[in-house]
Amino acid sequence: MKQKYALTILFALIVASGLTSIGCYQATERIVAEDMECALTKALAEQQSDAITADTIRTFNSYLKTEQLRGHAVLAVATRQDGLRCEARCSAATIFSMSDQRPASVLWTMAILWALYCFWRFRRDVPLMTFGGLAYAECEGRFYNKLGKQVRLTPMQQQLMEMFFRSESHRLTKTEICDALWPKKDDANDTLYTLIRRLKPVIEEHSNLEIESDRGRAYELRVR
């Protein structure tokens, strides 16, 4: 499967789970609003007053059909153009806890599992340049040993190894290396020697490769 199709499926699952969650919340919100409005109307009609008292709250809770709302829905006096009005309110957290989020949870789980699968699939399918037990994933800019463990290199070591791998002969002259790594330095021979000396044990530890010097004029990466 192409990467763009896999990402399209992942995006569709995320959108579907989000819309499903919102839809369930909104459906519950409408039910809660209707229940609170009905209970408030009955409570105010029974006491024949808009004043909120302890009896109003008790009566209001007794008329609520949804048991989960009792003790969570509150009464408040809101200012309107035509005066004060008693309103029933409920927190978004309470409504969310009452909504059936199981369909959305299933879709979220599918999205997470699909994302993990895509990561594994495309990580496995990353094109590798292999040589002497060492692999270079160009799209990642990382080197891996034969066990799949990343080989940690300094930035300069990384650049030099990339140059070796991109060379068909795996051979580089001193001039090529110095011009690429230290273009503004007049004499980088000592710096290059130090870089090669420190890189050799790292490469030999993680692969079957070694760096050989050709009379001080060039360096070659070859299999031992």
Protein backbone atom coordinates (compact mmCIF):
# COMPACT_ATOMS: atom_id res chain seq x y z
CA MET A 1 0.00 0.00 0.00
CA LYS A 2 1.28 3.43 -0.93
CA GLN A 3 2.05 5.81 1.89
CA LYS A 4 -0.46 8.44 0.75
CA TYR A 5 -3.32 5.90 0.85
CA ALA A 6 -2.33 4.71 4.32
CA LEU A 7 -2.22 8.30 5.58
CA THR A 8 -5.61 8.98 3.97
CA ILE A 9 -7.12 6.06 5.87
CA LEU A 10 -5.52 7.25 9.10
CA PHE A 11 -6.86 10.78 8.58
CA ALA A 12 -10.34 9.38 7.81
CA LEU A 13 -10.33 7.32 11.03
CA ILE A 14 -9.28 10.33 13.10
CA VAL A 15 -11.97 12.55 11.54
CA ALA A 16 -14.63 9.82 11.91
CA SER A 17 -13.77 9.24 15.57
CA GLY A 18 -13.83 12.97 16.28
CA LEU A 19 -17.16 13.51 14.54
CA THR A 20 -18.66 10.45 16.25
CA SER A 21 -17.56 11.72 19.65
CA ILE A 22 -19.01 15.18 18.98
CA GLY A 23 -22.24 13.66 17.64
CA CYS A 24 -22.71 11.52 20.76
CA TYR A 25 -22.02 14.53 22.97
CA GLN A 26 -24.51 16.73 21.13
CA ALA A 27 -27.22 14.05 21.23
CA THR A 28 -26.76 13.70 24.99
CA GLU A 29 -26.70 17.48 25.37
CA ARG A 30 -30.12 17.76 23.72
CA ILE A 31 -31.58 15.04 25.97
CA VAL A 32 -30.14 16.71 29.08
CA ALA A 33 -31.44 20.14 28.05
CA GLU A 34 -34.94 18.79 27.46
CA ASP A 35 -34.95 16.91 30.76
CA MET A 36 -33.72 19.94 32.75
CA GLU A 37 -36.14 22.32 31.02
CA CYS A 38 -39.09 20.02 31.71
CA ALA A 39 -38.06 19.51 35.35
CA LEU A 40 -37.58 23.25 35.88
CA THR A 41 -40.95 24.10 34.34
CA LYS A 42 -42.68 21.63 36.65
CA ALA A 43 -40.76 22.81 39.72
CA LEU A 44 -41.58 26.50 39.09
CA ALA A 45 -45.21 25.68 38.32
CA GLU A 46 -45.50 23.75 41.55
CA GLN A 47 -44.14 26.56 43.72
CA GLN A 48 -45.77 29.28 41.56
CA SER A 49 -42.69 31.50 41.85
CA ASP A 50 -39.45 32.26 39.98
CA ALA A 51 -37.46 32.54 43.21
CA ILE A 52 -34.88 29.84 43.79
CA THR A 53 -35.01 28.24 47.22
CA ALA A 54 -33.84 24.98 48.74
CA ASP A 55 -37.32 23.58 48.06
CA THR A 56 -37.02 24.62 44.40
CA ILE A 57 -33.78 22.66 44.04
CA ARG A 58 -35.20 19.58 45.74
CA THR A 59 -38.35 19.71 43.63
CA PHE A 60 -36.31 20.28 40.47
CA ASN A 61 -34.12 17.23 41.18
CA SER A 62 -37.14 15.07 41.90
CA TYR A 63 -38.59 15.85 38.46
CA LEU A 64 -35.38 14.99 36.59
CA LYS A 65 -35.83 11.76 34.65
CA THR A 66 -32.11 11.19 34.19
CA GLU A 67 -30.73 9.91 37.46
CA GLN A 68 -27.14 10.96 36.60
CA LEU A 69 -28.27 14.60 36.45
CA ARG A 70 -29.52 14.69 40.00
CA GLY A 71 -27.02 16.58 42.09
CA HIS A 72 -25.07 17.72 39.03
CA ALA A 73 -27.56 20.01 37.31
CA VAL A 74 -27.75 23.47 38.87
CA LEU A 75 -30.25 26.31 38.87
CA ALA A 76 -29.18 29.85 38.12
CA VAL A 77 -30.81 33.21 37.56
CA ALA A 78 -29.90 34.65 34.16
CA THR A 79 -30.39 38.26 33.08
CA ARG A 80 -32.61 38.73 30.05
CA GLN A 81 -33.95 41.80 28.26
CA ASP A 82 -37.35 41.11 29.77
CA GLY A 83 -35.99 40.67 33.28
CA LEU A 84 -34.60 37.81 35.32
CA ARG A 85 -35.14 34.21 34.38
CA CYS A 86 -34.39 30.97 36.18
CA GLU A 87 -32.34 28.49 34.11
CA ALA A 88 -31.09 24.93 34.61
CA ARG A 89 -27.48 24.31 33.68
CA CYS A 90 -25.12 21.35 33.54
CA SER A 91 -21.35 21.22 33.03
CA ALA A 92 -19.85 19.96 29.79
CA ALA A 93 -17.87 17.35 31.76
CA THR A 94 -21.09 15.87 33.18
CA ILE A 95 -22.71 15.75 29.75
CA PHE A 96 -19.61 14.13 28.26
CA SER A 97 -19.52 11.49 31.01
CA MET A 98 -23.17 10.69 30.29
CA SER A 99 -22.72 10.43 26.52
CA ASP A 100 -22.07 7.05 24.92
CA GLN A 101 -18.49 7.38 23.71
CA ARG A 102 -18.05 3.67 22.96
CA PRO A 103 -18.36 4.02 19.15
CA ALA A 104 -15.86 6.88 19.19
CA SER A 105 -13.51 4.88 21.44
CA VAL A 106 -13.57 1.99 18.97
CA LEU A 107 -12.69 4.34 16.13
CA TRP A 108 -9.94 6.01 18.17
CA THR A 109 -8.49 2.58 18.97
CA MET A 110 -8.59 1.67 15.28
CA ALA A 111 -6.84 4.93 14.40
CA ILE A 112 -4.07 4.31 16.95
CA LEU A 113 -3.58 0.70 15.80
CA TRP A 114 -3.52 1.80 12.15
CA ALA A 115 -0.97 4.51 12.97
CA LEU A 116 1.26 1.93 14.69
CA TYR A 117 0.90 -0.42 11.74
CA CYS A 118 1.80 2.34 9.28
CA PHE A 119 4.85 3.27 11.34
CA TRP A 120 6.01 -0.37 11.41
CA ARG A 121 5.26 -0.94 7.74
CA PHE A 122 6.99 2.15 6.40
CA ARG A 123 9.86 1.82 8.86
CA ARG A 124 10.41 -1.70 7.53
CA ASP A 125 10.14 -0.55 3.92
CA VAL A 126 12.66 2.29 4.27
CA PRO A 127 15.19 1.86 1.40
CA LEU A 128 18.61 0.98 2.79
CA MET A 129 22.11 1.17 1.37
CA THR A 130 24.00 -1.78 2.83
CA PHE A 131 27.70 -2.55 2.82
CA GLY A 132 29.80 -4.76 5.06
CA GLY A 133 27.10 -5.29 7.68
CA LEU A 134 26.30 -1.59 7.91
CA ALA A 135 23.07 -0.08 6.56
CA TYR A 136 22.34 3.53 5.73
CA ALA A 137 18.75 4.80 5.60
CA GLU A 138 19.13 7.89 3.44
CA CYS A 139 15.62 9.23 4.06
CA GLU A 140 16.33 9.14 7.81
CA GLY A 141 20.00 10.04 7.64
CA ARG A 142 20.87 7.20 10.03
CA PHE A 143 23.23 4.22 10.08
CA TYR A 144 22.22 0.84 11.50
CA ASN A 145 24.24 -2.25 12.36
CA LYS A 146 23.18 -5.78 11.35
CA LEU A 147 21.00 -6.03 14.48
CA GLY A 148 19.03 -2.96 13.46
CA LYS A 149 20.52 -0.79 16.20
CA GLN A 150 21.36 2.79 15.28
CA VAL A 151 25.06 3.59 15.13
CA ARG A 152 25.69 6.88 16.92
CA LEU A 153 28.07 9.18 15.05
CA THR A 154 29.21 12.74 15.50
CA PRO A 155 28.05 15.21 12.81
CA MET A 156 31.46 15.10 11.07
CA GLN A 157 31.63 11.30 11.26
CA GLN A 158 28.11 11.15 9.88
CA GLN A 159 28.98 13.35 6.89
CA LEU A 160 32.11 11.36 6.10
CA MET A 161 30.31 8.01 6.28
CA GLU A 162 27.58 9.35 4.01
CA MET A 163 30.24 10.33 1.50
CA PHE A 164 31.78 6.84 1.65
CA PHE A 165 28.40 5.18 1.10
CA ARG A 166 27.44 7.44 -1.80
CA SER A 167 30.71 6.77 -3.55
CA GLU A 168 30.42 3.73 -5.85
CA SER A 169 33.96 2.65 -5.05
CA HIS A 170 33.66 3.63 -1.36
CA ARG A 171 36.93 5.47 -1.91
CA LEU A 172 37.55 9.18 -1.32
CA THR A 173 40.60 11.32 -1.85
CA LYS A 174 41.83 13.62 0.88
CA THR A 175 41.01 16.60 -1.31
CA GLU A 176 37.39 15.45 -1.77
CA ILE A 177 36.93 15.01 1.97
CA CYS A 178 38.59 18.27 3.00
CA ASP A 179 36.76 20.32 0.38
CA ALA A 180 33.41 18.90 1.52
CA LEU A 181 33.93 19.04 5.28
CA TRP A 182 36.23 22.04 5.72
CA PRO A 183 35.86 24.20 2.59
CA LYS A 184 37.23 27.33 4.27
CA LYS A 185 40.23 25.68 5.88
CA ASP A 186 43.55 25.93 4.01
CA ASP A 187 45.16 22.87 5.57
CA ALA A 188 42.79 20.31 7.12
CA ASN A 189 45.16 17.31 7.04
CA ASP A 190 45.54 17.07 10.80
CA THR A 191 41.81 17.53 11.36
CA LEU A 192 41.07 14.80 8.82
CA TYR A 193 43.59 12.45 10.41
CA THR A 194 41.94 12.95 13.83
CA LEU A 195 38.47 12.37 12.36
CA ILE A 196 39.53 9.14 10.67
CA ARG A 197 41.35 7.92 13.79
CA ARG A 198 38.25 8.38 15.95
CA LEU A 199 35.84 6.98 13.35
CA LYS A 200 37.74 3.72 12.74
CA PRO A 201 36.96 1.98 16.08
CA VAL A 202 33.27 2.97 15.85
CA ILE A 203 32.92 1.46 12.38
CA GLU A 204 34.87 -1.69 13.25
CA GLU A 205 32.76 -2.22 16.37
CA HIS A 206 29.44 -2.14 14.53
CA SER A 207 30.30 -3.73 11.17
CA ASN A 208 32.73 -5.78 9.14
CA LEU A 209 34.19 -2.64 7.63
CA GLU A 210 37.47 -0.83 8.06
CA ILE A 211 38.95 2.40 6.76
CA GLU A 212 42.25 2.00 4.96
CA SER A 213 44.63 4.76 3.92
CA ASP A 214 46.13 4.73 0.43
CA ARG A 215 49.59 6.27 0.97
CA GLY A 216 48.00 9.26 2.66
CA ARG A 217 46.37 10.39 -0.58
CA ALA A 218 42.99 8.72 -0.20
CA TYR A 219 40.86 6.66 2.18
CA GLU A 220 38.83 3.59 1.34
CA LEU A 221 35.99 1.96 3.20
CA ARG A 222 36.23 -1.78 2.64
CA VAL A 223 35.17 -5.13 4.05
CA ARG A 224 37.66 -6.75 6.39
